Amino acid sequence: MDVNNFYVSCERVFRPDLEGVPVVVLSNNDACIIARSQESKGLGFKMGALFHKVLPDLKKAGVKVFSSNYPLYGDMSDRAVSVYRQFTPRLEIYSIDESFLDLSGFDELLDLGQKIKQTTKRDTGLPVCVGIAQTKTLAKIANRIAKKNPQYNGVFKLEAGDAEQLQKIENADIWGISRRLDPKLQELGIYNALDLSRADPKKIRQKFSVVLERMVYELNGISCLDLEEVAPAKKGIMVSRGFGQYQDKYPRIQEAVAVYATRAGEKMRKQGLAANTLTTFLRTSPQGDAQTYYSNSHTVAFPEATNDTALIIKAAWWCLKKIYRPGLKYQKAGVFLDGLVNADCTQKDFFFKPDTGKSKTLMTVLDKLNKDHGRDTVRFAASGVSTDWKMRQRMVSPRYTTSWDDIKTIP
């Protein structure tokens, strides 16, 4: 399952006037294009194009522009998955807009695919395409075929050994094959999915890797990639943002780092994890000509793995003090939590005696208040009240599904 032009489709759910209109969605700080409607693609606007450079062309073409609205996109993704679960209990959420569904035991798969597609559109407003096959790799190819060929009405079933279809899929369009790997495959006479499916898997493993060997088997209908019904525990959590405008005042950068540390702690507790190490990084703009580019980071290890926001902020600030250089205008900062472990099974330090019971109670209350009443209803004073460093979102749409203040009204 793949939602078509996901970010754009989310915006269109609540703005039906945008149907048929060229739309683009921008990255953090409105820096570059990260999502395009089919109409925008047809006008020649490229992924990753810098917004300030293509702005005149966007205006001239009448393209509607939106800042990223991640709360909306995350919630719409959850709604789509809830529809998929009505059809099968076994599924893997692969990304914000893609999921793998296990349809083992079902008959009339094309009809079922159409039903899932229609139900998703009816219940969420999101248009999806369905690719059906014996393996995950073939299913990805089937989805691509469904999306590129209107005659299949958004649903395509690909059989292993379908030479006609596999021959149309170039190497770089196969799931997991990078454009850097494509020339090396071509040196062996492998130009498309059909060629790769006919290659000797053992020789492919010797020449490349076991991952590519498995892909050969997958293209022949032999499943090597299991469905990940439970997402694996994260090995690290990163929270970083570009500042809305360059920052040279240390207190403002401190506030930003405190907010990033808070977000990282929230994410970690939500997954029942604790961190053994923390890294803070800081950098100026790599595009700036007015000053020498500077980037640095510093890492600290906790005596015991922790998910206490107060300790995380203190550690982040300590690292920041080590890397901050006065006189520079900074463009981005971030906090990275590493060495994640189960919060209930942490290794204790003989000489470190924190009040873990009090800390856990405080974090539990803090998380509940913010969940029930909205993010940052209660927060640490270290995060400050200034907003001039926050990410630019000058064209962000309302949070229709996650904020009572932004709920859609009917006149």
Protein backbone atom coordinates (compact mmCIF):
# COMPACT_ATOMS: atom_id res chain seq x y z
CA MET A 1 0.00 0.00 0.00
CA ASP A 2 1.35 3.41 -0.98
CA VAL A 3 -0.45 6.74 -0.63
CA ASN A 4 -0.07 8.78 -3.80
CA ASN A 5 1.92 12.03 -3.31
CA PHE A 6 1.28 11.65 0.42
CA TYR A 7 1.98 15.14 1.79
CA VAL A 8 0.08 16.80 -1.04
CA SER A 9 -2.82 14.35 -0.66
CA CYS A 10 -3.07 15.17 3.05
CA GLU A 11 -3.40 18.86 2.22
CA ARG A 12 -6.07 18.14 -0.40
CA VAL A 13 -8.27 16.10 1.96
CA PHE A 14 -9.35 19.32 3.68
CA ARG A 15 -8.98 21.54 0.61
CA PRO A 16 -10.96 19.94 -2.22
CA ASP A 17 -10.44 23.15 -4.20
CA LEU A 18 -6.83 21.99 -4.66
CA GLU A 19 -7.84 18.97 -6.77
CA GLY A 20 -6.30 19.35 -10.20
CA VAL A 21 -4.23 22.32 -9.01
CA PRO A 22 -0.41 22.13 -8.93
CA VAL A 23 0.77 21.85 -5.30
CA VAL A 24 4.17 21.54 -3.62
CA VAL A 25 5.16 21.00 0.01
CA LEU A 26 8.38 22.38 1.45
CA SER A 27 10.95 20.97 3.85
CA ASN A 28 11.87 22.34 7.28
CA ASN A 29 12.30 26.12 7.29
CA ASP A 30 10.67 26.24 3.85
CA ALA A 31 14.04 25.42 2.33
CA CYS A 32 13.29 23.14 -0.63
CA ILE A 33 10.56 21.12 -2.34
CA ILE A 34 9.99 17.67 -0.81
CA ALA A 35 6.57 16.75 -2.23
CA ARG A 36 4.81 17.52 -5.50
CA SER A 37 1.41 16.89 -6.97
CA GLN A 38 1.25 15.21 -10.35
CA GLU A 39 0.46 18.60 -11.88
CA SER A 40 3.62 20.12 -10.36
CA LYS A 41 5.70 17.23 -11.67
CA GLY A 42 4.24 17.84 -15.13
CA LEU A 43 5.34 21.49 -14.92
CA GLY A 44 8.92 20.35 -14.39
CA PHE A 45 9.48 21.25 -10.73
CA LYS A 46 12.12 18.95 -9.25
CA MET A 47 12.41 17.28 -5.86
CA GLY A 48 14.94 19.12 -3.72
CA ALA A 49 14.71 22.35 -5.69
CA LEU A 50 15.58 25.34 -3.48
CA PHE A 51 12.39 27.27 -2.75
CA HIS A 52 13.88 30.76 -3.01
CA LYS A 53 15.30 29.96 -6.44
CA VAL A 54 12.10 28.55 -7.96
CA LEU A 55 9.68 30.93 -6.19
CA PRO A 56 9.22 33.18 -9.24
CA ASP A 57 8.46 30.15 -11.42
CA LEU A 58 6.04 28.76 -8.83
CA LYS A 59 4.14 32.03 -8.73
CA LYS A 60 4.08 32.30 -12.51
CA ALA A 61 2.69 28.76 -12.83
CA GLY A 62 0.06 29.31 -10.12
CA VAL A 63 1.44 26.58 -7.87
CA LYS A 64 0.02 26.42 -4.34
CA VAL A 65 2.80 26.16 -1.76
CA PHE A 66 2.60 24.68 1.75
CA SER A 67 5.06 24.39 4.62
CA SER A 68 5.40 20.91 6.11
CA ASN A 69 2.61 20.06 8.56
CA TYR A 70 4.00 16.96 10.28
CA PRO A 71 1.28 16.64 12.97
CA LEU A 72 -1.33 16.44 10.21
CA TYR A 73 0.69 14.01 8.09
CA GLY A 74 1.41 11.70 11.03
CA ASP A 75 -2.23 11.55 12.06
CA MET A 76 -3.44 10.91 8.50
CA SER A 77 -0.90 8.10 8.21
CA ASP A 78 -2.32 6.51 11.38
CA ARG A 79 -5.83 6.78 9.95
CA ALA A 80 -4.81 5.01 6.74
CA VAL A 81 -3.18 2.18 8.72
CA SER A 82 -6.34 1.78 10.81
CA VAL A 83 -8.23 1.12 7.56
CA TYR A 84 -5.67 -1.48 6.47
CA ARG A 85 -6.09 -3.29 9.78
CA GLN A 86 -9.75 -3.84 8.95
CA PHE A 87 -8.64 -6.24 6.21
CA THR A 88 -5.73 -8.09 7.83
CA PRO A 89 -4.22 -8.23 11.32
CA ARG A 90 -0.75 -8.81 9.87
CA LEU A 91 0.91 -5.73 8.46
CA GLU A 92 4.16 -3.81 8.54
CA ILE A 93 4.24 -0.01 8.65
CA TYR A 94 7.21 0.60 6.38
CA SER A 95 7.11 4.40 6.31
CA ILE A 96 4.71 7.28 6.85
CA ASP A 97 3.01 6.56 3.51
CA GLU A 98 3.76 2.88 2.83
CA SER A 99 2.69 -0.40 4.45
CA PHE A 100 3.01 -4.08 3.63
CA LEU A 101 -0.11 -6.23 4.18
CA ASP A 102 -0.12 -10.02 4.45
CA LEU A 103 -3.02 -11.30 2.34
CA SER A 104 -2.19 -15.00 2.70
CA GLY A 105 -5.32 -17.14 2.45
CA PHE A 106 -7.43 -14.54 0.66
CA ASP A 107 -9.03 -15.19 -2.73
CA GLU A 108 -9.74 -12.78 -5.57
CA LEU A 109 -6.81 -10.55 -4.63
CA LEU A 110 -7.42 -7.95 -7.33
CA ASP A 111 -10.99 -7.43 -6.11
CA LEU A 112 -9.71 -7.26 -2.53
CA GLY A 113 -7.09 -4.70 -3.55
CA GLN A 114 -9.78 -2.53 -5.11
CA LYS A 115 -11.89 -2.80 -1.96
CA ILE A 116 -8.98 -1.72 0.26
CA LYS A 117 -8.24 1.17 -2.10
CA GLN A 118 -11.86 2.34 -2.18
CA THR A 119 -12.34 1.98 1.58
CA THR A 120 -9.18 3.97 2.30
CA LYS A 121 -10.36 6.75 -0.01
CA ARG A 122 -13.83 6.75 1.55
CA ASP A 123 -12.70 6.72 5.18
CA THR A 124 -9.63 8.99 4.99
CA GLY A 125 -9.84 10.86 1.69
CA LEU A 126 -6.38 9.58 0.73
CA PRO A 127 -5.77 8.06 -2.73
CA VAL A 128 -3.68 4.88 -2.62
CA CYS A 129 -2.21 2.39 -5.04
CA VAL A 130 -1.98 -1.33 -4.32
CA GLY A 131 0.76 -3.67 -5.51
CA ILE A 132 0.16 -7.40 -4.98
CA ALA A 133 2.82 -10.10 -5.34
CA GLN A 134 4.45 -13.10 -3.66
CA THR A 135 7.32 -11.12 -2.09
CA LYS A 136 7.90 -7.61 -0.72
CA THR A 137 10.30 -6.71 -3.54
CA LEU A 138 7.83 -7.79 -6.22
CA ALA A 139 5.00 -6.02 -4.37
CA LYS A 140 6.97 -2.75 -4.52
CA ILE A 141 7.40 -3.22 -8.27
CA ALA A 142 3.71 -4.06 -8.63
CA ASN A 143 2.80 -0.87 -6.78
CA ARG A 144 5.00 1.15 -9.12
CA ILE A 145 3.28 -0.41 -12.13
CA ALA A 146 -0.14 0.35 -10.64
CA LYS A 147 0.85 3.97 -10.07
CA LYS A 148 2.40 4.56 -13.50
CA ASN A 149 -0.34 2.91 -15.58
CA PRO A 150 -3.88 4.35 -15.20
CA GLN A 151 -5.44 1.37 -17.02
CA TYR A 152 -4.96 -0.75 -13.87
CA ASN A 153 -7.08 1.63 -11.77
CA GLY A 154 -4.52 1.75 -8.96
CA VAL A 155 -4.25 -2.00 -8.34
CA PHE A 156 -1.86 -4.45 -10.01
CA LYS A 157 -0.98 -8.07 -9.31
CA LEU A 158 2.50 -9.12 -10.44
CA GLU A 159 3.38 -12.75 -10.92
CA ALA A 160 6.94 -13.97 -10.45
CA GLY A 161 8.49 -14.56 -13.86
CA ASP A 162 6.42 -11.91 -15.65
CA ALA A 163 9.19 -11.09 -18.11
CA GLU A 164 7.23 -8.38 -19.91
CA GLN A 165 6.75 -6.30 -16.76
CA LEU A 166 10.10 -7.00 -15.09
CA GLN A 167 11.98 -5.95 -18.22
CA LYS A 168 10.43 -2.47 -17.97
CA ILE A 169 11.82 -1.89 -14.45
CA GLU A 170 15.30 -0.39 -14.56
CA ASN A 171 17.86 -1.28 -11.90
CA ALA A 172 17.62 2.06 -10.10
CA ASP A 173 13.83 1.63 -9.81
CA ILE A 174 14.15 -1.65 -7.88
CA TRP A 175 13.60 -1.29 -4.14
CA GLY A 176 16.96 -1.16 -2.38
CA ILE A 177 19.19 -0.56 -5.41
CA SER A 178 20.91 2.82 -5.44
CA ARG A 179 21.93 4.70 -8.57
CA ARG A 180 25.53 4.27 -7.46
CA LEU A 181 25.12 0.48 -7.72
CA ASP A 182 23.45 0.62 -11.14
CA PRO A 183 26.68 1.06 -13.22
CA LYS A 184 28.30 -1.91 -11.46
CA LEU A 185 25.33 -4.10 -12.32
CA GLN A 186 25.38 -2.90 -15.91
CA GLU A 187 29.02 -3.97 -16.18
CA LEU A 188 27.71 -7.52 -15.59
CA GLY A 189 25.03 -7.13 -18.26
CA ILE A 190 22.24 -6.51 -15.73
CA TYR A 191 20.07 -3.59 -16.86
CA ASN A 192 16.64 -4.30 -15.38
CA ALA A 193 14.68 -6.42 -12.92
CA LEU A 194 14.36 -9.28 -15.41
CA ASP A 195 18.14 -9.45 -15.88
CA LEU A 196 18.69 -9.43 -12.13
CA SER A 197 16.08 -12.16 -11.56
CA ARG A 198 18.00 -14.40 -14.01
CA ALA A 199 21.40 -13.77 -12.42
CA ASP A 200 23.19 -16.44 -10.36
CA PRO A 201 22.39 -15.52 -6.73
CA LYS A 202 25.63 -17.01 -5.40
CA LYS A 203 27.75 -14.98 -7.82
CA ILE A 204 25.77 -11.88 -6.96
CA ARG A 205 26.54 -12.49 -3.29
CA GLN A 206 30.25 -12.90 -4.00
CA LYS A 207 30.35 -9.77 -6.14
CA PHE A 208 28.11 -7.58 -3.99
CA SER A 209 26.38 -8.70 -0.77
CA VAL A 210 23.92 -11.10 0.81
CA VAL A 211 21.30 -8.33 0.58
CA LEU A 212 21.47 -8.32 -3.21
CA GLU A 213 21.48 -12.13 -3.25
CA ARG A 214 18.18 -12.09 -1.35
CA MET A 215 16.81 -9.63 -3.86
CA VAL A 216 17.45 -12.10 -6.68
CA TYR A 217 15.44 -14.71 -4.79
CA GLU A 218 12.68 -12.17 -4.06
CA LEU A 219 12.40 -11.31 -7.75
CA ASN A 220 11.83 -15.01 -8.42
CA GLY A 221 8.97 -15.21 -5.93
CA ILE A 222 10.98 -16.70 -3.04
CA SER A 223 10.32 -14.61 0.06
CA CYS A 224 13.46 -13.63 2.01
CA LEU A 225 12.19 -10.49 3.74
CA ASP A 226 9.83 -11.22 6.61
CA LEU A 227 6.98 -8.94 7.58
CA GLU A 228 8.09 -6.76 10.52
CA GLU A 229 4.83 -6.61 12.45
CA VAL A 230 6.59 -5.14 15.49
CA ALA A 231 8.88 -2.22 14.73
CA PRO A 232 12.41 -2.91 16.01
CA ALA A 233 13.54 -0.83 18.96
CA LYS A 234 15.39 2.30 17.90
CA LYS A 235 19.14 2.35 18.35
CA GLY A 236 19.25 6.13 18.56
CA ILE A 237 16.97 9.16 18.61
CA MET A 238 17.87 12.40 16.86
CA VAL A 239 16.03 15.72 17.18
CA SER A 240 17.46 18.59 15.15
CA ARG A 241 16.10 21.65 13.42
CA GLY A 242 17.39 24.52 11.36
CA PHE A 243 16.77 27.85 13.07
CA GLY A 244 14.12 30.15 11.61
CA GLN A 245 16.87 32.76 11.35
CA TYR A 246 20.59 32.66 12.07
CA GLN A 247 21.37 32.75 15.79
CA ASP A 248 24.41 34.29 17.46
CA LYS A 249 23.00 34.75 20.98
CA TYR A 250 24.00 31.91 23.30
CA PRO A 251 20.80 32.04 25.47
CA ARG A 252 18.61 31.59 22.37
CA ILE A 253 20.65 28.60 21.21
CA GLN A 254 20.39 27.18 24.75
CA GLU A 255 16.60 27.45 24.57
CA ALA A 256 16.52 25.66 21.24
CA VAL A 257 18.77 22.84 22.47
CA ALA A 258 16.58 22.49 25.59
CA VAL A 259 13.51 22.06 23.39
CA TYR A 260 15.25 19.46 21.21
CA ALA A 261 16.40 17.59 24.32
CA THR A 262 12.82 17.68 25.64
CA ARG A 263 11.44 16.25 22.39
CA ALA A 264 14.07 13.50 22.36
CA GLY A 265 13.19 12.56 25.94
CA GLU A 266 9.48 12.40 25.09
CA LYS A 267 10.11 10.11 22.12
CA MET A 268 12.34 7.87 24.20
CA ARG A 269 9.86 7.48 27.07
CA LYS A 270 7.06 6.75 24.61
CA GLN A 271 9.02 3.67 23.54
CA GLY A 272 9.99 2.67 27.08
CA LEU A 273 13.69 3.35 26.47
CA ALA A 274 16.56 5.10 28.25
CA ALA A 275 19.81 6.54 26.85
CA ASN A 276 23.38 5.84 27.88
CA THR A 277 24.96 8.69 25.91
CA LEU A 278 23.99 12.11 24.56
CA THR A 279 25.52 14.17 21.78
CA THR A 280 24.86 17.83 21.03
CA PHE A 281 25.89 19.27 17.68
CA LEU A 282 25.96 22.81 16.35
CA ARG A 283 26.82 24.24 12.93
CA THR A 284 26.75 27.35 10.81
CA SER A 285 25.27 27.37 7.32
CA PRO A 286 27.31 25.40 4.74
CA GLN A 287 25.94 27.82 2.11
CA GLY A 288 27.12 31.02 3.83
CA ASP A 289 29.86 33.12 2.30
CA ALA A 290 30.14 35.73 5.05
CA GLN A 291 31.93 33.47 7.53
CA THR A 292 34.01 30.32 7.70
CA TYR A 293 31.91 27.17 8.00
CA TYR A 294 31.96 25.70 11.50
CA SER A 295 30.49 22.41 12.69
CA ASN A 296 31.18 20.57 15.93
CA SER A 297 29.69 18.11 18.40
CA HIS A 298 30.37 16.80 21.87
CA THR A 299 29.26 13.59 23.60
CA VAL A 300 28.71 12.77 27.24
CA ALA A 301 27.96 9.41 28.89
CA PHE A 302 25.40 9.18 31.70
CA PRO A 303 26.42 7.31 34.88
CA GLU A 304 23.20 5.33 34.39
CA ALA A 305 20.91 5.14 31.37
CA THR A 306 18.21 7.76 31.81
CA ASN A 307 15.08 9.20 30.19
CA ASP A 308 14.69 12.07 32.68
CA THR A 309 14.25 15.28 30.70
CA ALA A 310 15.91 17.38 33.42
CA LEU A 311 19.12 15.33 33.20
CA ILE A 312 18.97 15.25 29.41
CA ILE A 313 18.73 19.06 29.22
CA LYS A 314 21.63 19.49 31.66
CA ALA A 315 23.78 17.12 29.64
CA ALA A 316 22.82 18.80 26.35
CA TRP A 317 23.73 22.22 27.75
CA TRP A 318 27.05 20.93 29.09
CA CYS A 319 27.92 19.64 25.63
CA LEU A 320 26.75 22.87 24.00
CA LYS A 321 29.08 24.89 26.20
CA LYS A 322 31.99 22.80 24.91
CA ILE A 323 31.30 23.48 21.24
CA TYR A 324 29.83 26.99 21.15
CA ARG A 325 32.10 29.62 19.60
CA PRO A 326 31.11 33.27 20.08
CA GLY A 327 30.93 35.59 17.11
CA LEU A 328 29.42 33.07 14.70
CA LYS A 329 25.90 32.98 13.28
CA TYR A 330 24.55 29.46 13.71
CA GLN A 331 22.06 27.81 11.39
CA LYS A 332 21.29 24.46 13.03
CA ALA A 333 21.59 22.50 16.26
CA GLY A 334 20.52 19.07 17.42
CA VAL A 335 20.52 16.46 20.16
CA PHE A 336 21.23 12.77 19.63
CA LEU A 337 20.48 10.07 22.23
CA ASP A 338 22.39 6.84 21.78
CA GLY A 339 22.99 3.54 23.55
CA LEU A 340 19.25 3.04 24.03
CA VAL A 341 18.13 0.28 26.38
CA ASN A 342 14.93 -0.89 28.02
CA ALA A 343 14.17 1.69 30.71
CA ASP A 344 13.20 -1.05 33.18
CA CYS A 345 16.43 -3.01 32.71
CA THR A 346 19.21 -0.44 33.02
CA GLN A 347 22.66 -1.18 34.43
CA LYS A 348 22.99 0.55 37.81
CA ASP A 349 26.03 2.54 38.92
CA PHE A 350 27.33 1.75 42.43
CA PHE A 351 28.34 5.36 43.14
CA PHE A 352 25.42 7.14 41.43
CA LYS A 353 22.23 7.28 43.50
CA PRO A 354 19.52 9.18 41.63
CA ASP A 355 15.97 9.26 42.94
CA THR A 356 14.59 7.16 40.08
CA GLY A 357 11.16 6.78 41.68
CA LYS A 358 10.65 10.53 41.92
CA SER A 359 12.01 11.07 38.41
CA LYS A 360 9.74 8.42 36.88
CA THR A 361 6.68 9.84 38.63
CA LEU A 362 7.48 13.36 37.48
CA MET A 363 8.03 12.30 33.85
CA THR A 364 4.82 10.24 33.85
CA VAL A 365 2.77 13.21 35.10
CA LEU A 366 4.48 15.57 32.66
CA ASP A 367 3.79 13.30 29.68
CA LYS A 368 0.16 12.75 30.67
CA LEU A 369 -0.56 16.47 31.08
CA ASN A 370 0.96 17.27 27.71
CA LYS A 371 -0.86 14.39 26.03
CA ASP A 372 -4.24 15.36 27.51
CA HIS A 373 -3.97 19.13 27.17
CA GLY A 374 -1.57 19.67 24.29
CA ARG A 375 2.18 19.72 23.78
CA ASP A 376 4.13 22.05 26.12
CA THR A 377 1.18 22.63 28.42
CA VAL A 378 3.79 21.94 31.10
CA ARG A 379 7.44 22.32 30.18
CA PHE A 380 10.84 23.05 31.64
CA ALA A 381 11.68 26.74 31.99
CA ALA A 382 14.97 26.02 30.20
CA SER A 383 13.08 25.95 26.90
CA GLY A 384 12.27 29.65 27.33
CA VAL A 385 9.49 31.66 25.76
CA SER A 386 11.26 33.08 22.70
CA THR A 387 10.15 31.96 19.25
CA ASP A 388 12.58 33.76 16.94
CA TRP A 389 14.79 30.67 16.64
CA LYS A 390 11.96 28.31 15.79
CA MET A 391 11.56 26.70 12.39
CA ARG A 392 9.99 28.84 9.66
CA GLN A 393 6.57 27.60 8.57
CA ARG A 394 5.15 30.64 6.87
CA MET A 395 2.65 28.70 4.73
CA VAL A 396 1.65 25.89 7.09
CA SER A 397 -1.93 24.63 6.90
CA PRO A 398 -4.15 24.15 9.98
CA ARG A 399 -3.69 21.01 12.10
CA TYR A 400 -7.18 19.86 11.16
CA THR A 401 -7.12 16.53 13.00
CA THR A 402 -4.82 17.18 15.98
CA SER A 403 -5.85 20.60 17.33
CA TRP A 404 -9.29 21.69 18.52
CA ASP A 405 -8.45 25.26 17.48
CA ASP A 406 -7.88 24.15 13.89
CA ILE A 407 -10.81 21.77 13.47
CA LYS A 408 -12.60 22.17 10.16
CA THR A 409 -15.90 24.07 10.38
CA ILE A 410 -18.85 24.08 8.00
CA PRO A 411 -20.45 27.52 7.44
